[in-house]
Amino acid sequence: MSMKNKTYYVYILTNYKNKTLYIGLTNNLERRIYEHKNELIEGFSKRYKLKKLIYYEEFEYIRDALVREKQLKSWHREWKLNLIKNMNPKFCDLAEGWYNEDPEASLKRVQDRIQDDRGSENV
């Protein structure tokens, strides 16, 4: 009998003006971002309209994800922005298109776009 490994995600959201940051943790990134985008959960992200996924990391173990979430929440804003810019220099919505096309195709498209952005910055 094989057990499927869970994946945990630490993610960062912002609003469309990139002013406010929210750091969260989930075991289902697609579902959780859908909840944020559709304002299904009361709280900070709903109040500040934080619907744009700009960064995430994957973890095999929940304890590692919890440690990383706590670490990122303790960082200065500039450190967080530098981390985000390293992965996503233009602060693209990494979940763009997830809910109106095949999620895997959309994710690949967004990853390709980020890779293209990185390449153009090195020229």
N, C-alpha and C. Protein backbone atom coordinates (compact mmCIF):
# COMPACT_ATOMS: atom_id res chain seq x y z
N MET A 1 0.85 -1.18 0.00
CA MET A 1 0.00 0.00 0.00
C MET A 1 0.89 1.24 0.00
N SER A 2 0.67 2.11 -0.96
CA SER A 2 1.51 3.31 -1.03
C SER A 2 0.73 4.53 -0.59
N MET A 3 1.41 5.36 0.17
CA MET A 3 0.77 6.59 0.64
C MET A 3 1.24 7.75 -0.23
N LYS A 4 0.31 8.55 -0.65
CA LYS A 4 0.65 9.71 -1.46
C LYS A 4 1.23 10.78 -0.54
N ASN A 5 2.37 11.31 -0.96
CA ASN A 5 2.98 12.39 -0.18
C ASN A 5 2.19 13.67 -0.40
N LYS A 6 1.96 14.39 0.66
CA LYS A 6 1.33 15.70 0.55
C LYS A 6 2.38 16.73 0.20
N THR A 7 1.95 17.78 -0.42
CA THR A 7 2.81 18.91 -0.69
C THR A 7 2.21 20.10 0.04
N TYR A 8 3.06 20.86 0.67
CA TYR A 8 2.63 22.07 1.38
C TYR A 8 3.26 23.27 0.70
N TYR A 9 2.55 24.38 0.75
CA TYR A 9 2.99 25.59 0.07
C TYR A 9 2.99 26.77 1.03
N VAL A 10 4.05 27.54 0.99
CA VAL A 10 4.09 28.85 1.62
C VAL A 10 3.99 29.82 0.45
N TYR A 11 3.08 30.77 0.55
CA TYR A 11 2.82 31.64 -0.59
C TYR A 11 2.70 33.09 -0.14
N ILE A 12 2.88 33.98 -1.10
CA ILE A 12 2.74 35.41 -0.83
C ILE A 12 1.75 35.99 -1.84
N LEU A 13 0.80 36.73 -1.31
CA LEU A 13 -0.19 37.45 -2.11
C LEU A 13 0.04 38.94 -1.99
N THR A 14 -0.44 39.67 -2.96
CA THR A 14 -0.46 41.13 -2.88
C THR A 14 -1.73 41.62 -3.56
N ASN A 15 -1.95 42.92 -3.50
CA ASN A 15 -3.05 43.52 -4.24
C ASN A 15 -2.54 43.97 -5.60
N TYR A 16 -3.41 44.51 -6.42
CA TYR A 16 -3.00 44.84 -7.78
C TYR A 16 -2.10 46.06 -7.87
N LYS A 17 -1.93 46.78 -6.77
CA LYS A 17 -0.96 47.88 -6.73
C LYS A 17 0.35 47.44 -6.07
N ASN A 18 0.44 46.18 -5.68
CA ASN A 18 1.64 45.60 -5.05
C ASN A 18 2.04 46.32 -3.78
N LYS A 19 1.08 46.80 -3.02
CA LYS A 19 1.37 47.58 -1.81
C LYS A 19 1.38 46.75 -0.54
N THR A 20 0.47 45.80 -0.42
CA THR A 20 0.32 45.03 0.81
C THR A 20 0.68 43.58 0.54
N LEU A 21 1.41 42.95 1.46
CA LEU A 21 1.81 41.56 1.31
C LEU A 21 1.11 40.69 2.36
N TYR A 22 0.79 39.47 1.96
CA TYR A 22 0.19 38.49 2.86
C TYR A 22 0.94 37.18 2.66
N ILE A 23 1.37 36.57 3.74
CA ILE A 23 2.06 35.28 3.68
C ILE A 23 1.16 34.23 4.30
N GLY A 24 0.96 33.14 3.55
CA GLY A 24 0.10 32.07 4.04
C GLY A 24 0.70 30.71 3.78
N LEU A 25 0.02 29.68 4.27
CA LEU A 25 0.45 28.30 4.14
C LEU A 25 -0.78 27.46 3.81
N THR A 26 -0.62 26.51 2.91
CA THR A 26 -1.73 25.63 2.53
C THR A 26 -1.20 24.30 2.02
N ASN A 27 -2.08 23.31 1.96
CA ASN A 27 -1.72 22.03 1.34
C ASN A 27 -2.38 21.89 -0.03
N ASN A 28 -3.11 22.92 -0.46
CA ASN A 28 -3.75 22.91 -1.77
C ASN A 28 -3.73 24.34 -2.32
N LEU A 29 -2.67 24.67 -3.03
CA LEU A 29 -2.46 26.04 -3.48
C LEU A 29 -3.57 26.50 -4.42
N GLU A 30 -3.96 25.66 -5.35
CA GLU A 30 -4.99 26.06 -6.31
C GLU A 30 -6.31 26.41 -5.61
N ARG A 31 -6.73 25.55 -4.68
CA ARG A 31 -7.96 25.81 -3.94
C ARG A 31 -7.86 27.09 -3.10
N ARG A 32 -6.72 27.24 -2.42
CA ARG A 32 -6.56 28.37 -1.50
C ARG A 32 -6.53 29.69 -2.26
N ILE A 33 -5.88 29.72 -3.40
CA ILE A 33 -5.84 30.96 -4.19
C ILE A 33 -7.23 31.26 -4.73
N TYR A 34 -7.96 30.24 -5.13
CA TYR A 34 -9.35 30.43 -5.57
C TYR A 34 -10.16 31.09 -4.45
N GLU A 35 -9.98 30.61 -3.23
CA GLU A 35 -10.69 31.20 -2.09
C GLU A 35 -10.33 32.66 -1.90
N HIS A 36 -9.05 32.99 -2.03
CA HIS A 36 -8.62 34.39 -1.91
C HIS A 36 -9.21 35.23 -3.04
N LYS A 37 -9.10 34.76 -4.26
CA LYS A 37 -9.57 35.54 -5.41
C LYS A 37 -11.07 35.80 -5.36
N ASN A 38 -11.81 34.88 -4.78
CA ASN A 38 -13.26 35.01 -4.71
C ASN A 38 -13.76 35.49 -3.36
N GLU A 39 -12.84 35.94 -2.52
CA GLU A 39 -13.15 36.51 -1.20
C GLU A 39 -14.05 35.60 -0.37
N LEU A 40 -13.72 34.31 -0.34
CA LEU A 40 -14.51 33.33 0.39
C LEU A 40 -14.12 33.23 1.85
N ILE A 41 -13.01 33.85 2.22
CA ILE A 41 -12.51 33.75 3.59
C ILE A 41 -12.42 35.15 4.18
N GLU A 42 -13.02 35.32 5.34
CA GLU A 42 -12.96 36.61 6.04
C GLU A 42 -11.56 36.83 6.58
N GLY A 43 -11.16 38.08 6.65
CA GLY A 43 -9.88 38.38 7.28
C GLY A 43 -9.06 39.36 6.49
N PHE A 44 -7.77 39.35 6.79
CA PHE A 44 -6.82 40.32 6.25
C PHE A 44 -6.80 40.35 4.73
N SER A 45 -6.71 39.17 4.11
CA SER A 45 -6.59 39.15 2.65
C SER A 45 -7.87 39.67 1.97
N LYS A 46 -9.00 39.40 2.55
CA LYS A 46 -10.26 39.92 1.98
C LYS A 46 -10.36 41.42 2.18
N ARG A 47 -10.03 41.88 3.38
CA ARG A 47 -10.12 43.32 3.70
C ARG A 47 -9.23 44.15 2.77
N TYR A 48 -8.03 43.66 2.46
CA TYR A 48 -7.09 44.43 1.64
C TYR A 48 -7.07 43.98 0.17
N LYS A 49 -8.03 43.12 -0.21
CA LYS A 49 -8.17 42.67 -1.60
C LYS A 49 -6.87 42.07 -2.16
N LEU A 50 -6.31 41.16 -1.38
CA LEU A 50 -5.06 40.49 -1.76
C LEU A 50 -5.41 39.24 -2.55
N LYS A 51 -5.33 39.35 -3.87
CA LYS A 51 -5.79 38.29 -4.76
C LYS A 51 -4.72 37.85 -5.76
N LYS A 52 -3.57 38.46 -5.72
CA LYS A 52 -2.54 38.22 -6.72
C LYS A 52 -1.41 37.38 -6.12
N LEU A 53 -1.27 36.15 -6.61
CA LEU A 53 -0.21 35.24 -6.15
C LEU A 53 1.10 35.66 -6.81
N ILE A 54 2.06 36.08 -6.00
CA ILE A 54 3.32 36.57 -6.57
C ILE A 54 4.54 35.72 -6.18
N TYR A 55 4.33 34.75 -5.28
CA TYR A 55 5.46 33.93 -4.85
C TYR A 55 4.93 32.69 -4.14
N TYR A 56 5.62 31.58 -4.31
CA TYR A 56 5.31 30.40 -3.50
C TYR A 56 6.51 29.47 -3.46
N GLU A 57 6.54 28.65 -2.44
CA GLU A 57 7.55 27.60 -2.27
C GLU A 57 6.81 26.31 -1.92
N GLU A 58 7.37 25.18 -2.33
CA GLU A 58 6.79 23.87 -2.04
C GLU A 58 7.61 23.16 -0.98
N PHE A 59 6.91 22.40 -0.12
CA PHE A 59 7.55 21.63 0.94
C PHE A 59 6.92 20.26 1.04
N GLU A 60 7.72 19.28 1.35
CA GLU A 60 7.23 17.92 1.54
C GLU A 60 6.67 17.74 2.96
N TYR A 61 7.24 18.46 3.92
CA TYR A 61 6.85 18.29 5.32
C TYR A 61 6.23 19.56 5.87
N ILE A 62 5.14 19.39 6.59
CA ILE A 62 4.42 20.54 7.15
C ILE A 62 5.31 21.32 8.11
N ARG A 63 6.13 20.65 8.87
CA ARG A 63 6.98 21.38 9.84
C ARG A 63 7.95 22.32 9.12
N ASP A 64 8.47 21.90 7.97
CA ASP A 64 9.37 22.77 7.20
C ASP A 64 8.62 23.98 6.66
N ALA A 65 7.40 23.74 6.20
CA ALA A 65 6.58 24.84 5.69
C ALA A 65 6.24 25.83 6.81
N LEU A 66 5.92 25.32 7.98
CA LEU A 66 5.60 26.19 9.12
C LEU A 66 6.80 27.05 9.53
N VAL A 67 7.97 26.42 9.56
CA VAL A 67 9.20 27.16 9.90
C VAL A 67 9.45 28.27 8.88
N ARG A 68 9.29 27.93 7.60
CA ARG A 68 9.54 28.93 6.54
C ARG A 68 8.51 30.06 6.59
N GLU A 69 7.24 29.71 6.83
CA GLU A 69 6.21 30.75 6.93
C GLU A 69 6.54 31.71 8.07
N LYS A 70 6.90 31.17 9.21
CA LYS A 70 7.25 32.01 10.36
C LYS A 70 8.47 32.88 10.05
N GLN A 71 9.47 32.29 9.39
CA GLN A 71 10.67 33.03 9.02
C GLN A 71 10.32 34.20 8.11
N LEU A 72 9.55 33.94 7.05
CA LEU A 72 9.20 35.00 6.10
C LEU A 72 8.37 36.10 6.77
N LYS A 73 7.48 35.71 7.66
CA LYS A 73 6.66 36.71 8.35
C LYS A 73 7.51 37.62 9.24
N SER A 74 8.67 37.14 9.68
CA SER A 74 9.54 37.95 10.54
C SER A 74 10.48 38.86 9.74
N TRP A 75 10.58 38.64 8.44
CA TRP A 75 11.50 39.41 7.60
C TRP A 75 11.02 40.84 7.41
N HIS A 76 12.00 41.73 7.18
CA HIS A 76 11.69 43.10 6.79
C HIS A 76 11.06 43.08 5.40
N ARG A 77 10.25 44.08 5.11
CA ARG A 77 9.56 44.16 3.82
C ARG A 77 10.55 44.08 2.64
N GLU A 78 11.66 44.79 2.75
CA GLU A 78 12.61 44.81 1.63
C GLU A 78 13.17 43.41 1.35
N TRP A 79 13.41 42.62 2.39
CA TRP A 79 13.90 41.26 2.19
C TRP A 79 12.86 40.44 1.44
N LYS A 80 11.60 40.60 1.82
CA LYS A 80 10.52 39.87 1.14
C LYS A 80 10.44 40.29 -0.32
N LEU A 81 10.53 41.57 -0.57
CA LEU A 81 10.46 42.06 -1.95
C LEU A 81 11.61 41.52 -2.79
N ASN A 82 12.80 41.45 -2.21
CA ASN A 82 13.95 40.89 -2.94
C ASN A 82 13.74 39.41 -3.25
N LEU A 83 13.19 38.68 -2.31
CA LEU A 83 12.89 37.26 -2.53
C LEU A 83 11.90 37.11 -3.69
N ILE A 84 10.84 37.89 -3.67
CA ILE A 84 9.82 37.84 -4.72
C ILE A 84 10.43 38.20 -6.07
N LYS A 85 11.19 39.28 -6.11
CA LYS A 85 11.78 39.76 -7.37
C LYS A 85 12.73 38.73 -7.98
N ASN A 86 13.37 37.92 -7.15
CA ASN A 86 14.26 36.88 -7.65
C ASN A 86 13.50 35.82 -8.45
N MET A 87 12.29 35.50 -8.01
CA MET A 87 11.46 34.49 -8.69
C MET A 87 10.54 35.12 -9.73
N ASN A 88 10.06 36.33 -9.45
CA ASN A 88 8.98 36.93 -10.22
C ASN A 88 9.24 38.43 -10.35
N PRO A 89 10.21 38.83 -11.17
CA PRO A 89 10.66 40.22 -11.22
C PRO A 89 9.57 41.24 -11.54
N LYS A 90 8.56 40.84 -12.30
CA LYS A 90 7.51 41.79 -12.69
C LYS A 90 6.26 41.66 -11.84
N PHE A 91 6.32 40.86 -10.78
CA PHE A 91 5.19 40.66 -9.88
C PHE A 91 3.95 40.20 -10.65
N CYS A 92 4.17 39.29 -11.62
CA CYS A 92 3.05 38.71 -12.37
C CYS A 92 2.18 37.90 -11.42
N ASP A 93 0.90 37.79 -11.74
CA ASP A 93 0.01 36.92 -10.98
C ASP A 93 0.28 35.49 -11.44
N LEU A 94 0.93 34.71 -10.58
CA LEU A 94 1.33 33.36 -10.92
C LEU A 94 0.12 32.43 -11.10
N ALA A 95 -1.04 32.85 -10.64
CA ALA A 95 -2.26 32.05 -10.77
C ALA A 95 -3.12 32.53 -11.93
N GLU A 96 -2.61 33.42 -12.73
CA GLU A 96 -3.38 33.94 -13.86
C GLU A 96 -3.79 32.79 -14.77
N GLY A 97 -5.08 32.69 -15.04
CA GLY A 97 -5.59 31.67 -15.93
C GLY A 97 -5.85 30.32 -15.30
N TRP A 98 -5.55 30.14 -14.03
CA TRP A 98 -5.74 28.83 -13.41
C TRP A 98 -7.20 28.37 -13.45
N TYR A 99 -8.11 29.30 -13.44
CA TYR A 99 -9.51 28.93 -13.27
C TYR A 99 -10.32 29.06 -14.55
N ASN A 100 -9.66 29.33 -15.66
CA ASN A 100 -10.39 29.38 -16.93
C ASN A 100 -9.69 28.59 -18.02
N GLU A 101 -8.74 27.75 -17.66
CA GLU A 101 -8.11 26.84 -18.60
C GLU A 101 -7.49 25.71 -17.81
N ASP A 102 -6.93 24.74 -18.47
CA ASP A 102 -6.27 23.63 -17.81
C ASP A 102 -5.19 24.16 -16.87
N PRO A 103 -5.28 23.89 -15.56
CA PRO A 103 -4.32 24.44 -14.60
C PRO A 103 -2.87 24.10 -14.91
N GLU A 104 -2.59 22.89 -15.37
CA GLU A 104 -1.20 22.53 -15.68
C GLU A 104 -0.66 23.34 -16.84
N ALA A 105 -1.48 23.55 -17.86
CA ALA A 105 -1.06 24.36 -19.00
C ALA A 105 -0.83 25.80 -18.57
N SER A 106 -1.72 26.29 -17.73
CA SER A 106 -1.59 27.66 -17.25
C SER A 106 -0.32 27.83 -16.42
N LEU A 107 -0.05 26.88 -15.53
CA LEU A 107 1.14 26.96 -14.69
C LEU A 107 2.39 26.95 -15.55
N LYS A 108 2.43 26.09 -16.55
CA LYS A 108 3.60 26.05 -17.44
C LYS A 108 3.76 27.38 -18.17
N ARG A 109 2.64 27.97 -18.62
CA ARG A 109 2.70 29.25 -19.32
C ARG A 109 3.28 30.33 -18.41
N VAL A 110 2.81 30.37 -17.17
CA VAL A 110 3.29 31.38 -16.22
C VAL A 110 4.76 31.14 -15.92
N GLN A 111 5.17 29.89 -15.70
CA GLN A 111 6.58 29.59 -15.43
C GLN A 111 7.45 29.98 -16.61
N ASP A 112 6.97 29.72 -17.83
CA ASP A 112 7.72 30.12 -19.02
C ASP A 112 7.86 31.63 -19.08
N ARG A 113 6.80 32.35 -18.73
CA ARG A 113 6.83 33.81 -18.76
C ARG A 113 7.84 34.34 -17.74
N ILE A 114 7.89 33.74 -16.57
CA ILE A 114 8.85 34.16 -15.54
C ILE A 114 10.26 33.89 -16.04
N GLN A 115 10.48 32.72 -16.65
CA GLN A 115 11.81 32.40 -17.18
C GLN A 115 12.21 33.39 -18.25
N ASP A 116 11.27 33.78 -19.13
CA ASP A 116 11.54 34.78 -20.16
C ASP A 116 11.90 36.11 -19.52
N ASP A 117 11.19 36.50 -18.46
CA ASP A 117 11.47 37.75 -17.75
C ASP A 117 12.87 37.75 -17.17
N ARG A 118 13.26 36.63 -16.57
CA ARG A 118 14.60 36.50 -15.99
C ARG A 118 15.66 36.64 -17.06
N GLY A 119 15.43 35.98 -18.20
CA GLY A 119 16.40 36.02 -19.29
C GLY A 119 16.57 37.42 -19.86
N SER A 120 15.48 38.18 -19.97
CA SER A 120 15.56 39.52 -20.54
C SER A 120 16.26 40.49 -19.60
N GLU A 121 16.24 40.21 -18.29
CA GLU A 121 16.92 41.08 -17.33
C GLU A 121 18.43 40.88 -17.37
N ASN A 122 18.86 39.71 -17.83
CA ASN A 122 20.29 39.41 -17.85
C ASN A 122 20.97 39.89 -19.13
N VAL A 123 20.21 40.44 -20.04
CA VAL A 123 20.76 40.89 -21.33
C VAL A 123 21.39 42.25 -21.19
